[in-house]
């Protein structure tokens, strides 16, 4: 039997066998490829290997039998998923919070980044950045407790200030409309500062001579922002917009769970909380896996559509 080997090309002048281009590139940049190994292993272990578990959505999973020995049931749990009384309300609430978060929250880091970029006092700029980054490193359980204390109808700072002007107290966290507003604003508060990092990094790549030429031509600060800064960060905006649109049917667990209470279940019951209640508390693993798989498929369709739209508009997408 002939042994298979990697085809190599011989140099017509020297007669020396030439290695494939991929091998040469790896040898030339070996240290750079070595940096990729931890990230590659992370995704293999925590993302690709667990993908095998999606077969639970098509099986009547029994924890004692295991995944392989459990009985196949086809699409039964996908049908049961649609028949759940709270399935469509969960989707509605998830989309509502995510769309409002996208509309209100997506421009926030852009505006903050532009403001920080225009600051000339370096000390004030660094202090401002540190304070803006701080909420990102705090747990939503801590932030949720702070929000409840600030908005408390009896002891909260906001209601105390309102009472000075003769206004009645409002139980913000018990009113569905106010709860949605608090959720969106708290999401911006927690993430806007951290979101400025990519935009500020992109702004440093803009050619300073463009600003110098604009100043010579008499352009004011607003015109420099409008015609130089914003066009310079549009590619970054496009990529981040694709990621945001691709996650419209996904929502984190900590944030809604930390702010939720029984009085606002009509708007706070989102997909992640539903999966927690059914999957962890009720051990309904198959149906929650079906919900998660459906989420992933819809997210894939959304991110592909967003990428296609961005490319049609003349911007570079993810692929």
C-alpha atoms as a PDB file:
ATOM      1  CA  UNK A   1       0.000   0.000   0.000  1.00  0.00           C
ATOM      2  CA  UNK A   2       1.367   3.393  -0.927  1.00  0.00           C
ATOM      3  CA  UNK A   3       1.637   5.813   1.972  1.00  0.00           C
ATOM      4  CA  UNK A   4      -0.070   9.175   1.534  1.00  0.00           C
ATOM      5  CA  UNK A   5       2.038  12.278   1.903  1.00  0.00           C
ATOM      6  CA  UNK A   6       1.664  16.016   1.563  1.00  0.00           C
ATOM      7  CA  UNK A   7       2.321  17.004  -2.049  1.00  0.00           C
ATOM      8  CA  UNK A   8       5.358  19.196  -2.469  1.00  0.00           C
ATOM      9  CA  UNK A   9       6.651  21.127  -5.428  1.00  0.00           C
ATOM     10  CA  UNK A  10      10.212  20.929  -6.668  1.00  0.00           C
ATOM     11  CA  UNK A  11      12.090  24.087  -7.536  1.00  0.00           C
ATOM     12  CA  UNK A  12      12.916  23.895 -11.257  1.00  0.00           C
ATOM     13  CA  UNK A  13      16.292  25.614 -10.759  1.00  0.00           C
ATOM     14  CA  UNK A  14      17.726  24.034  -7.603  1.00  0.00           C
ATOM     15  CA  UNK A  15      15.711  20.820  -7.553  1.00  0.00           C
ATOM     16  CA  UNK A  16      14.844  21.385  -3.863  1.00  0.00           C
ATOM     17  CA  UNK A  17      11.341  20.373  -2.829  1.00  0.00           C
ATOM     18  CA  UNK A  18       9.182  23.347  -1.947  1.00  0.00           C
ATOM     19  CA  UNK A  19       6.923  23.157   1.126  1.00  0.00           C
ATOM     20  CA  UNK A  20       3.212  24.020   0.838  1.00  0.00           C
ATOM     21  CA  UNK A  21       2.369  27.669   1.420  1.00  0.00           C
ATOM     22  CA  UNK A  22       0.336  26.919   4.579  1.00  0.00           C
ATOM     23  CA  UNK A  23       3.297  25.135   6.196  1.00  0.00           C
ATOM     24  CA  UNK A  24       5.622  28.008   5.319  1.00  0.00           C
ATOM     25  CA  UNK A  25       3.211  30.560   6.786  1.00  0.00           C
ATOM     26  CA  UNK A  26       2.891  28.614  10.044  1.00  0.00           C
ATOM     27  CA  UNK A  27       6.662  28.321  10.380  1.00  0.00           C
ATOM     28  CA  UNK A  28       7.182  32.001   9.602  1.00  0.00           C
ATOM     29  CA  UNK A  29       4.547  33.158  12.127  1.00  0.00           C
ATOM     30  CA  UNK A  30       4.758  30.294  14.601  1.00  0.00           C
ATOM     31  CA  UNK A  31       4.754  32.562  17.663  1.00  0.00           C
ATOM     32  CA  UNK A  32       1.576  34.316  16.486  1.00  0.00           C
ATOM     33  CA  UNK A  33      -0.213  31.034  15.814  1.00  0.00           C
ATOM     34  CA  UNK A  34       0.866  29.864  19.259  1.00  0.00           C
ATOM     35  CA  UNK A  35      -1.135  32.725  20.784  1.00  0.00           C
ATOM     36  CA  UNK A  36      -4.245  31.332  19.081  1.00  0.00           C
ATOM     37  CA  UNK A  37      -3.986  27.964  20.829  1.00  0.00           C
ATOM     38  CA  UNK A  38      -5.631  28.963  24.186  1.00  0.00           C
ATOM     39  CA  UNK A  39      -8.558  30.641  22.411  1.00  0.00           C
ATOM     40  CA  UNK A  40      -8.912  27.715  20.021  1.00  0.00           C
ATOM     41  CA  UNK A  41      -8.941  25.196  22.890  1.00  0.00           C
ATOM     42  CA  UNK A  42     -11.458  27.330  24.812  1.00  0.00           C
ATOM     43  CA  UNK A  43     -13.985  27.239  21.979  1.00  0.00           C
ATOM     44  CA  UNK A  44     -13.394  23.561  21.275  1.00  0.00           C
ATOM     45  CA  UNK A  45     -13.937  22.548  24.912  1.00  0.00           C
ATOM     46  CA  UNK A  46     -16.721  24.963  25.887  1.00  0.00           C
ATOM     47  CA  UNK A  47     -18.509  25.579  22.569  1.00  0.00           C
ATOM     48  CA  UNK A  48     -18.025  22.799  20.025  1.00  0.00           C
ATOM     49  CA  UNK A  49     -17.871  19.673  22.206  1.00  0.00           C
ATOM     50  CA  UNK A  50     -21.065  20.658  24.146  1.00  0.00           C
ATOM     51  CA  UNK A  51     -22.886  20.958  20.792  1.00  0.00           C
ATOM     52  CA  UNK A  52     -23.413  17.205  21.010  1.00  0.00           C
ATOM     53  CA  UNK A  53     -25.942  17.937  23.749  1.00  0.00           C
ATOM     54  CA  UNK A  54     -28.441  19.434  21.266  1.00  0.00           C
ATOM     55  CA  UNK A  55     -29.623  15.887  20.490  1.00  0.00           C
ATOM     56  CA  UNK A  56     -31.467  16.079  23.827  1.00  0.00           C
ATOM     57  CA  UNK A  57     -34.031  18.258  22.016  1.00  0.00           C
ATOM     58  CA  UNK A  58     -34.953  15.228  19.897  1.00  0.00           C
ATOM     59  CA  UNK A  59     -34.961  12.689  22.742  1.00  0.00           C
ATOM     60  CA  UNK A  60     -37.061  11.996  25.805  1.00  0.00           C
ATOM     61  CA  UNK A  61     -34.023  12.622  27.954  1.00  0.00           C
ATOM     62  CA  UNK A  62     -33.671  10.552  31.089  1.00  0.00           C
ATOM     63  CA  UNK A  63     -30.835  11.561  33.373  1.00  0.00           C
ATOM     64  CA  UNK A  64     -30.342   7.956  34.498  1.00  0.00           C
ATOM     65  CA  UNK A  65     -30.199   6.549  30.951  1.00  0.00           C
ATOM     66  CA  UNK A  66     -27.948   9.281  29.625  1.00  0.00           C
ATOM     67  CA  UNK A  67     -28.023  11.012  26.271  1.00  0.00           C
ATOM     68  CA  UNK A  68     -27.219   8.002  24.092  1.00  0.00           C
ATOM     69  CA  UNK A  69     -29.669   5.576  25.737  1.00  0.00           C
ATOM     70  CA  UNK A  70     -32.641   7.957  25.936  1.00  0.00           C
ATOM     71  CA  UNK A  71     -35.501   7.334  23.489  1.00  0.00           C
ATOM     72  CA  UNK A  72     -35.797   9.311  20.252  1.00  0.00           C
ATOM     73  CA  UNK A  73     -39.034  11.318  19.992  1.00  0.00           C
ATOM     74  CA  UNK A  74     -38.392  13.457  16.914  1.00  0.00           C
ATOM     75  CA  UNK A  75     -39.853  16.965  17.008  1.00  0.00           C
ATOM     76  CA  UNK A  76     -42.273  16.303  19.888  1.00  0.00           C
ATOM     77  CA  UNK A  77     -40.679  18.813  22.236  1.00  0.00           C
ATOM     78  CA  UNK A  78     -40.633  21.530  19.569  1.00  0.00           C
ATOM     79  CA  UNK A  79     -44.401  21.141  19.289  1.00  0.00           C
ATOM     80  CA  UNK A  80     -44.758  21.223  23.079  1.00  0.00           C
ATOM     81  CA  UNK A  81     -42.547  24.311  23.144  1.00  0.00           C
ATOM     82  CA  UNK A  82     -44.957  26.205  20.890  1.00  0.00           C
ATOM     83  CA  UNK A  83     -47.919  25.045  22.986  1.00  0.00           C
ATOM     84  CA  UNK A  84     -46.445  26.425  26.232  1.00  0.00           C
ATOM     85  CA  UNK A  85     -48.784  29.127  27.620  1.00  0.00           C
ATOM     86  CA  UNK A  86     -45.894  31.509  28.287  1.00  0.00           C
ATOM     87  CA  UNK A  87     -43.846  30.789  25.132  1.00  0.00           C
ATOM     88  CA  UNK A  88     -45.004  33.689  22.976  1.00  0.00           C
ATOM     89  CA  UNK A  89     -45.095  36.165  25.898  1.00  0.00           C
ATOM     90  CA  UNK A  90     -41.456  35.216  26.613  1.00  0.00           C
ATOM     91  CA  UNK A  91     -40.521  35.895  22.982  1.00  0.00           C
ATOM     92  CA  UNK A  92     -42.448  39.186  22.995  1.00  0.00           C
ATOM     93  CA  UNK A  93     -40.746  40.372  26.183  1.00  0.00           C
ATOM     94  CA  UNK A  94     -37.289  39.323  24.964  1.00  0.00           C
ATOM     95  CA  UNK A  95     -37.743  41.139  21.652  1.00  0.00           C
ATOM     96  CA  UNK A  96     -39.213  44.205  23.370  1.00  0.00           C
ATOM     97  CA  UNK A  97     -36.304  44.607  25.779  1.00  0.00           C
ATOM     98  CA  UNK A  98     -33.667  43.842  23.149  1.00  0.00           C
ATOM     99  CA  UNK A  99     -35.114  46.145  20.481  1.00  0.00           C
ATOM    100  CA  UNK A 100     -35.479  49.014  22.955  1.00  0.00           C
ATOM    101  CA  UNK A 101     -31.962  48.296  24.183  1.00  0.00           C
ATOM    102  CA  UNK A 102     -30.677  48.390  20.593  1.00  0.00           C
ATOM    103  CA  UNK A 103     -32.463  51.632  19.725  1.00  0.00           C
ATOM    104  CA  UNK A 104     -31.499  53.446  22.926  1.00  0.00           C
ATOM    105  CA  UNK A 105     -28.287  51.672  23.840  1.00  0.00           C
ATOM    106  CA  UNK A 106     -26.453  51.319  20.528  1.00  0.00           C
ATOM    107  CA  UNK A 107     -25.833  55.080  20.040  1.00  0.00           C
ATOM    108  CA  UNK A 108     -24.802  55.595  23.701  1.00  0.00           C
ATOM    109  CA  UNK A 109     -21.195  54.307  23.496  1.00  0.00           C
ATOM    110  CA  UNK A 110     -20.713  56.123  20.183  1.00  0.00           C
ATOM    111  CA  UNK A 111     -21.754  59.453  21.726  1.00  0.00           C
ATOM    112  CA  UNK A 112     -19.637  58.812  24.830  1.00  0.00           C
ATOM    113  CA  UNK A 113     -16.609  57.849  22.747  1.00  0.00           C
ATOM    114  CA  UNK A 114     -16.871  61.031  20.672  1.00  0.00           C
ATOM    115  CA  UNK A 115     -17.199  63.137  23.826  1.00  0.00           C
ATOM    116  CA  UNK A 116     -14.176  61.460  25.416  1.00  0.00           C
ATOM    117  CA  UNK A 117     -12.178  61.823  22.212  1.00  0.00           C
ATOM    118  CA  UNK A 118     -12.864  65.564  22.142  1.00  0.00           C
ATOM    119  CA  UNK A 119     -11.669  66.096  25.723  1.00  0.00           C
ATOM    120  CA  UNK A 120      -8.367  67.919  25.988  1.00  0.00           C
ATOM    121  CA  UNK A 121      -7.861  67.685  29.783  1.00  0.00           C
ATOM    122  CA  UNK A 122      -6.055  64.310  30.036  1.00  0.00           C
ATOM    123  CA  UNK A 123      -6.540  63.860  33.789  1.00  0.00           C
ATOM    124  CA  UNK A 124     -10.282  64.541  33.594  1.00  0.00           C
ATOM    125  CA  UNK A 125     -10.532  62.244  30.569  1.00  0.00           C
ATOM    126  CA  UNK A 126      -8.842  59.333  32.383  1.00  0.00           C
ATOM    127  CA  UNK A 127     -10.966  59.780  35.512  1.00  0.00           C
ATOM    128  CA  UNK A 128     -14.134  59.923  33.400  1.00  0.00           C
ATOM    129  CA  UNK A 129     -13.186  56.755  31.533  1.00  0.00           C
ATOM    130  CA  UNK A 130     -12.485  54.869  34.776  1.00  0.00           C
ATOM    131  CA  UNK A 131     -15.843  55.885  36.253  1.00  0.00           C
ATOM    132  CA  UNK A 132     -17.660  54.934  33.045  1.00  0.00           C
ATOM    133  CA  UNK A 133     -15.978  51.494  32.951  1.00  0.00           C
ATOM    134  CA  UNK A 134     -16.714  50.712  36.612  1.00  0.00           C
ATOM    135  CA  UNK A 135     -20.339  49.431  36.290  1.00  0.00           C
ATOM    136  CA  UNK A 136     -19.230  46.845  33.711  1.00  0.00           C
ATOM    137  CA  UNK A 137     -17.158  45.014  36.337  1.00  0.00           C
ATOM    138  CA  UNK A 138     -19.982  44.844  38.878  1.00  0.00           C
ATOM    139  CA  UNK A 139     -22.376  41.909  39.131  1.00  0.00           C
ATOM    140  CA  UNK A 140     -25.986  42.506  38.156  1.00  0.00           C
ATOM    141  CA  UNK A 141     -27.004  41.179  41.564  1.00  0.00           C
ATOM    142  CA  UNK A 142     -25.132  44.094  43.158  1.00  0.00           C
ATOM    143  CA  UNK A 143     -26.373  46.590  40.576  1.00  0.00           C
ATOM    144  CA  UNK A 144     -29.933  45.289  40.948  1.00  0.00           C
ATOM    145  CA  UNK A 145     -29.800  45.847  44.715  1.00  0.00           C
ATOM    146  CA  UNK A 146     -28.504  49.374  44.171  1.00  0.00           C
ATOM    147  CA  UNK A 147     -31.288  50.126  41.677  1.00  0.00           C
ATOM    148  CA  UNK A 148     -33.974  48.862  44.072  1.00  0.00           C
ATOM    149  CA  UNK A 149     -32.541  51.025  46.856  1.00  0.00           C
ATOM    150  CA  UNK A 150     -32.314  54.144  44.678  1.00  0.00           C
ATOM    151  CA  UNK A 151     -35.865  53.710  43.346  1.00  0.00           C
ATOM    152  CA  UNK A 152     -37.498  52.591  46.600  1.00  0.00           C
ATOM    153  CA  UNK A 153     -40.820  54.457  47.097  1.00  0.00           C
ATOM    154  CA  UNK A 154     -40.111  54.992  50.789  1.00  0.00           C
ATOM    155  CA  UNK A 155     -36.343  55.342  51.205  1.00  0.00           C
ATOM    156  CA  UNK A 156     -35.138  55.835  47.622  1.00  0.00           C
ATOM    157  CA  UNK A 157     -33.095  58.899  46.697  1.00  0.00           C
ATOM    158  CA  UNK A 158     -35.126  59.618  43.555  1.00  0.00           C
ATOM    159  CA  UNK A 159     -38.491  59.601  45.341  1.00  0.00           C
ATOM    160  CA  UNK A 160     -36.996  61.710  48.129  1.00  0.00           C
ATOM    161  CA  UNK A 161     -35.966  64.360  45.596  1.00  0.00           C
ATOM    162  CA  UNK A 162     -39.405  64.183  43.985  1.00  0.00           C
ATOM    163  CA  UNK A 163     -41.042  64.793  47.365  1.00  0.00           C
ATOM    164  CA  UNK A 164     -39.107  68.082  47.673  1.00  0.00           C
ATOM    165  CA  UNK A 165     -41.044  69.337  44.664  1.00  0.00           C
ATOM    166  CA  UNK A 166     -44.377  68.062  45.987  1.00  0.00           C
ATOM    167  CA  UNK A 167     -44.550  65.123  43.601  1.00  0.00           C
ATOM    168  CA  UNK A 168     -46.067  61.804  44.718  1.00  0.00           C
ATOM    169  CA  UNK A 169     -43.870  58.762  45.232  1.00  0.00           C
ATOM    170  CA  UNK A 170     -43.691  56.210  42.419  1.00  0.00           C
ATOM    171  CA  UNK A 171     -42.984  52.511  42.884  1.00  0.00           C
ATOM    172  CA  UNK A 172     -40.918  52.266  39.703  1.00  0.00           C
ATOM    173  CA  UNK A 173     -40.141  48.567  40.020  1.00  0.00           C
ATOM    174  CA  UNK A 174     -43.801  47.573  40.442  1.00  0.00           C
ATOM    175  CA  UNK A 175     -45.090  49.384  37.351  1.00  0.00           C
ATOM    176  CA  UNK A 176     -44.606  47.532  34.058  1.00  0.00           C
ATOM    177  CA  UNK A 177     -43.946  50.643  31.983  1.00  0.00           C
ATOM    178  CA  UNK A 178     -41.452  52.086  34.456  1.00  0.00           C
ATOM    179  CA  UNK A 179     -39.805  48.680  34.865  1.00  0.00           C
ATOM    180  CA  UNK A 180     -39.056  48.470  31.137  1.00  0.00           C
ATOM    181  CA  UNK A 181     -37.617  51.998  31.217  1.00  0.00           C
ATOM    182  CA  UNK A 182     -35.456  51.150  34.233  1.00  0.00           C
ATOM    183  CA  UNK A 183     -34.241  47.946  32.549  1.00  0.00           C
ATOM    184  CA  UNK A 184     -33.172  49.750  29.373  1.00  0.00           C
ATOM    185  CA  UNK A 185     -31.542  52.677  31.195  1.00  0.00           C
ATOM    186  CA  UNK A 186     -29.701  50.390  33.613  1.00  0.00           C
ATOM    187  CA  UNK A 187     -28.425  48.360  30.664  1.00  0.00           C
ATOM    188  CA  UNK A 188     -27.019  51.536  29.104  1.00  0.00           C
ATOM    189  CA  UNK A 189     -25.503  52.588  32.431  1.00  0.00           C
ATOM    190  CA  UNK A 190     -23.775  49.244  32.827  1.00  0.00           C
ATOM    191  CA  UNK A 191     -22.489  48.781  29.287  1.00  0.00           C
ATOM    192  CA  UNK A 192     -22.087  52.141  27.555  1.00  0.00           C
ATOM    193  CA  UNK A 193     -18.750  53.001  29.155  1.00  0.00           C
ATOM    194  CA  UNK A 194     -17.199  49.659  28.321  1.00  0.00           C
ATOM    195  CA  UNK A 195     -18.586  49.882  24.789  1.00  0.00           C
ATOM    196  CA  UNK A 196     -16.542  53.026  24.115  1.00  0.00           C
ATOM    197  CA  UNK A 197     -13.269  51.061  24.094  1.00  0.00           C
ATOM    198  CA  UNK A 198     -13.574  49.802  20.505  1.00  0.00           C
ATOM    199  CA  UNK A 199     -14.691  53.189  19.195  1.00  0.00           C
ATOM    200  CA  UNK A 200     -11.870  55.044  20.960  1.00  0.00           C
ATOM    201  CA  UNK A 201      -9.378  52.518  19.597  1.00  0.00           C
ATOM    202  CA  UNK A 202     -10.763  53.050  16.089  1.00  0.00           C
ATOM    203  CA  UNK A 203     -10.525  56.833  16.452  1.00  0.00           C
ATOM    204  CA  UNK A 204      -6.796  56.556  17.162  1.00  0.00           C
ATOM    205  CA  UNK A 205      -6.327  55.058  13.675  1.00  0.00           C
ATOM    206  CA  UNK A 206      -7.823  58.109  11.917  1.00  0.00           C
ATOM    207  CA  UNK A 207      -5.119  60.137  10.172  1.00  0.00           C
ATOM    208  CA  UNK A 208      -4.453  63.321  12.251  1.00  0.00           C
ATOM    209  CA  UNK A 209      -3.631  65.219   9.057  1.00  0.00           C
ATOM    210  CA  UNK A 210      -7.332  65.059   8.163  1.00  0.00           C
ATOM    211  CA  UNK A 211      -8.183  67.067  11.283  1.00  0.00           C
ATOM    212  CA  UNK A 212      -5.328  69.504  10.592  1.00  0.00           C
ATOM    213  CA  UNK A 213      -6.527  70.063   7.034  1.00  0.00           C
ATOM    214  CA  UNK A 214     -10.094  70.574   8.266  1.00  0.00           C
ATOM    215  CA  UNK A 215      -8.952  73.195  10.798  1.00  0.00           C
ATOM    216  CA  UNK A 216      -7.034  75.050   8.070  1.00  0.00           C
ATOM    217  CA  UNK A 217     -10.182  75.020   5.927  1.00  0.00           C
ATOM    218  CA  UNK A 218     -12.104  76.594   8.817  1.00  0.00           C
ATOM    219  CA  UNK A 219     -14.119  73.548   9.901  1.00  0.00           C
ATOM    220  CA  UNK A 220     -15.427  73.755  13.463  1.00  0.00           C
ATOM    221  CA  UNK A 221     -15.504  70.924  15.988  1.00  0.00           C
ATOM    222  CA  UNK A 222     -18.942  69.683  14.984  1.00  0.00           C
ATOM    223  CA  UNK A 223     -17.994  69.579  11.282  1.00  0.00           C
ATOM    224  CA  UNK A 224     -14.801  67.676  12.095  1.00  0.00           C
ATOM    225  CA  UNK A 225     -16.836  65.151  14.060  1.00  0.00           C
ATOM    226  CA  UNK A 226     -19.453  64.871  11.320  1.00  0.00           C
ATOM    227  CA  UNK A 227     -17.123  64.570   8.322  1.00  0.00           C
ATOM    228  CA  UNK A 228     -14.043  62.857   9.795  1.00  0.00           C
ATOM    229  CA  UNK A 229     -14.672  61.112  13.130  1.00  0.00           C
ATOM    230  CA  UNK A 230     -18.041  59.507  12.382  1.00  0.00           C
ATOM    231  CA  UNK A 231     -17.094  58.224   8.881  1.00  0.00           C
ATOM    232  CA  UNK A 232     -13.892  56.846  10.427  1.00  0.00           C
ATOM    233  CA  UNK A 233     -15.767  54.679  12.924  1.00  0.00           C
ATOM    234  CA  UNK A 234     -18.580  53.567  10.581  1.00  0.00           C
ATOM    235  CA  UNK A 235     -16.929  50.160   9.813  1.00  0.00           C
ATOM    236  CA  UNK A 236     -16.719  49.409  13.549  1.00  0.00           C
ATOM    237  CA  UNK A 237     -20.316  50.538  14.008  1.00  0.00           C
ATOM    238  CA  UNK A 238     -21.406  48.199  11.200  1.00  0.00           C
ATOM    239  CA  UNK A 239     -19.715  45.143  12.724  1.00  0.00           C
ATOM    240  CA  UNK A 240     -21.091  45.827  16.212  1.00  0.00           C
ATOM    241  CA  UNK A 241     -24.556  46.408  14.762  1.00  0.00           C
ATOM    242  CA  UNK A 242     -24.424  42.975  13.116  1.00  0.00           C
ATOM    243  CA  UNK A 243     -23.586  41.371  16.471  1.00  0.00           C
ATOM    244  CA  UNK A 244     -26.397  43.266  18.205  1.00  0.00           C
ATOM    245  CA  UNK A 245     -28.997  42.328  15.600  1.00  0.00           C
ATOM    246  CA  UNK A 246     -27.801  38.717  15.686  1.00  0.00           C
ATOM    247  CA  UNK A 247     -28.635  38.519  19.390  1.00  0.00           C
ATOM    248  CA  UNK A 248     -32.145  39.977  19.343  1.00  0.00           C
ATOM    249  CA  UNK A 249     -33.773  36.741  20.502  1.00  0.00           C
ATOM    250  CA  UNK A 250     -31.117  36.071  23.154  1.00  0.00           C
ATOM    251  CA  UNK A 251     -30.935  37.818  26.472  1.00  0.00           C
ATOM    252  CA  UNK A 252     -28.725  37.433  29.507  1.00  0.00           C
ATOM    253  CA  UNK A 253     -30.050  35.828  32.653  1.00  0.00           C
ATOM    254  CA  UNK A 254     -28.594  37.973  35.443  1.00  0.00           C
ATOM    255  CA  UNK A 255     -29.968  41.362  34.397  1.00  0.00           C
ATOM    256  CA  UNK A 256     -33.706  40.532  34.075  1.00  0.00           C
ATOM    257  CA  UNK A 257     -33.534  38.099  37.008  1.00  0.00           C
ATOM    258  CA  UNK A 258     -31.941  40.706  39.302  1.00  0.00           C
ATOM    259  CA  UNK A 259     -34.626  43.303  38.496  1.00  0.00           C
ATOM    260  CA  UNK A 260     -37.638  40.991  38.168  1.00  0.00           C
ATOM    261  CA  UNK A 261     -40.405  40.634  40.744  1.00  0.00           C
ATOM    262  CA  UNK A 262     -43.866  39.006  40.677  1.00  0.00           C
ATOM    263  CA  UNK A 263     -45.625  42.345  40.055  1.00  0.00           C
ATOM    264  CA  UNK A 264     -44.023  42.784  36.626  1.00  0.00           C
ATOM    265  CA  UNK A 265     -43.984  39.197  35.359  1.00  0.00           C
ATOM    266  CA  UNK A 266     -45.900  40.358  32.296  1.00  0.00           C
ATOM    267  CA  UNK A 267     -42.793  42.133  30.957  1.00  0.00           C
ATOM    268  CA  UNK A 268     -39.909  40.568  32.896  1.00  0.00           C
ATOM    269  CA  UNK A 269     -40.562  36.923  31.953  1.00  0.00           C
ATOM    270  CA  UNK A 270     -37.965  36.467  29.194  1.00  0.00           C
ATOM    271  CA  UNK A 271     -36.559  33.368  27.486  1.00  0.00           C
ATOM    272  CA  UNK A 272     -33.522  33.012  29.760  1.00  0.00           C
ATOM    273  CA  UNK A 273     -35.672  33.086  32.908  1.00  0.00           C
ATOM    274  CA  UNK A 274     -38.131  30.617  31.345  1.00  0.00           C
ATOM    275  CA  UNK A 275     -35.297  28.222  30.532  1.00  0.00           C
ATOM    276  CA  UNK A 276     -33.995  28.525  34.097  1.00  0.00           C
ATOM    277  CA  UNK A 277     -37.390  27.807  35.627  1.00  0.00           C
ATOM    278  CA  UNK A 278     -38.186  24.856  33.358  1.00  0.00           C
ATOM    279  CA  UNK A 279     -34.710  23.436  32.945  1.00  0.00           C
ATOM    280  CA  UNK A 280     -33.214  23.854  36.415  1.00  0.00           C
ATOM    281  CA  UNK A 281     -36.223  24.025  38.716  1.00  0.00           C
ATOM    282  CA  UNK A 282     -38.477  21.544  36.878  1.00  0.00           C
ATOM    283  CA  UNK A 283     -35.758  19.396  35.212  1.00  0.00           C
ATOM    284  CA  UNK A 284     -37.466  19.704  31.793  1.00  0.00           C
ATOM    285  CA  UNK A 285     -34.166  19.350  29.943  1.00  0.00           C
ATOM    286  CA  UNK A 286     -35.499  18.289  26.547  1.00  0.00           C
ATOM    287  CA  UNK A 287     -37.933  21.134  26.034  1.00  0.00           C
ATOM    288  CA  UNK A 288     -35.470  23.769  27.241  1.00  0.00           C
ATOM    289  CA  UNK A 289     -32.849  22.371  24.854  1.00  0.00           C
ATOM    290  CA  UNK A 290     -35.412  22.686  22.066  1.00  0.00           C
ATOM    291  CA  UNK A 291     -35.963  26.334  23.018  1.00  0.00           C
ATOM    292  CA  UNK A 292     -32.220  26.980  23.100  1.00  0.00           C
ATOM    293  CA  UNK A 293     -31.686  25.302  19.706  1.00  0.00           C
ATOM    294  CA  UNK A 294     -34.500  27.359  18.180  1.00  0.00           C
ATOM    295  CA  UNK A 295     -32.909  30.492  19.619  1.00  0.00           C
ATOM    296  CA  UNK A 296     -29.575  29.646  18.034  1.00  0.00           C
ATOM    297  CA  UNK A 297     -31.117  28.987  14.607  1.00  0.00           C
ATOM    298  CA  UNK A 298     -33.049  32.276  14.678  1.00  0.00           C
ATOM    299  CA  UNK A 299     -29.918  34.148  15.798  1.00  0.00           C
ATOM    300  CA  UNK A 300     -27.973  32.608  12.912  1.00  0.00           C
ATOM    301  CA  UNK A 301     -30.625  33.764  10.435  1.00  0.00           C
ATOM    302  CA  UNK A 302     -30.641  37.262  11.942  1.00  0.00           C
ATOM    303  CA  UNK A 303     -26.863  37.648  11.896  1.00  0.00           C
ATOM    304  CA  UNK A 304     -26.687  36.390   8.308  1.00  0.00           C
ATOM    305  CA  UNK A 305     -29.440  38.833   7.266  1.00  0.00           C
ATOM    306  CA  UNK A 306     -27.765  41.735   9.064  1.00  0.00           C
ATOM    307  CA  UNK A 307     -24.399  40.909   7.486  1.00  0.00           C
ATOM    308  CA  UNK A 308     -25.973  40.703   4.024  1.00  0.00           C
ATOM    309  CA  UNK A 309     -27.746  44.046   4.523  1.00  0.00           C
ATOM    310  CA  UNK A 310     -24.586  45.782   5.734  1.00  0.00           C
ATOM    311  CA  UNK A 311     -22.619  44.510   2.737  1.00  0.00           C
ATOM    312  CA  UNK A 312     -25.369  45.665   0.373  1.00  0.00           C
ATOM    313  CA  UNK A 313     -25.014  49.132   1.930  1.00  0.00           C
ATOM    314  CA  UNK A 314     -21.345  49.214   0.961  1.00  0.00           C
ATOM    315  CA  UNK A 315     -19.758  48.354   4.315  1.00  0.00           C
ATOM    316  CA  UNK A 316     -17.560  45.419   5.226  1.00  0.00           C
ATOM    317  CA  UNK A 317     -19.416  42.697   7.103  1.00  0.00           C
ATOM    318  CA  UNK A 318     -18.207  39.768   9.139  1.00  0.00           C
ATOM    319  CA  UNK A 319     -17.610  37.703   5.998  1.00  0.00           C
END
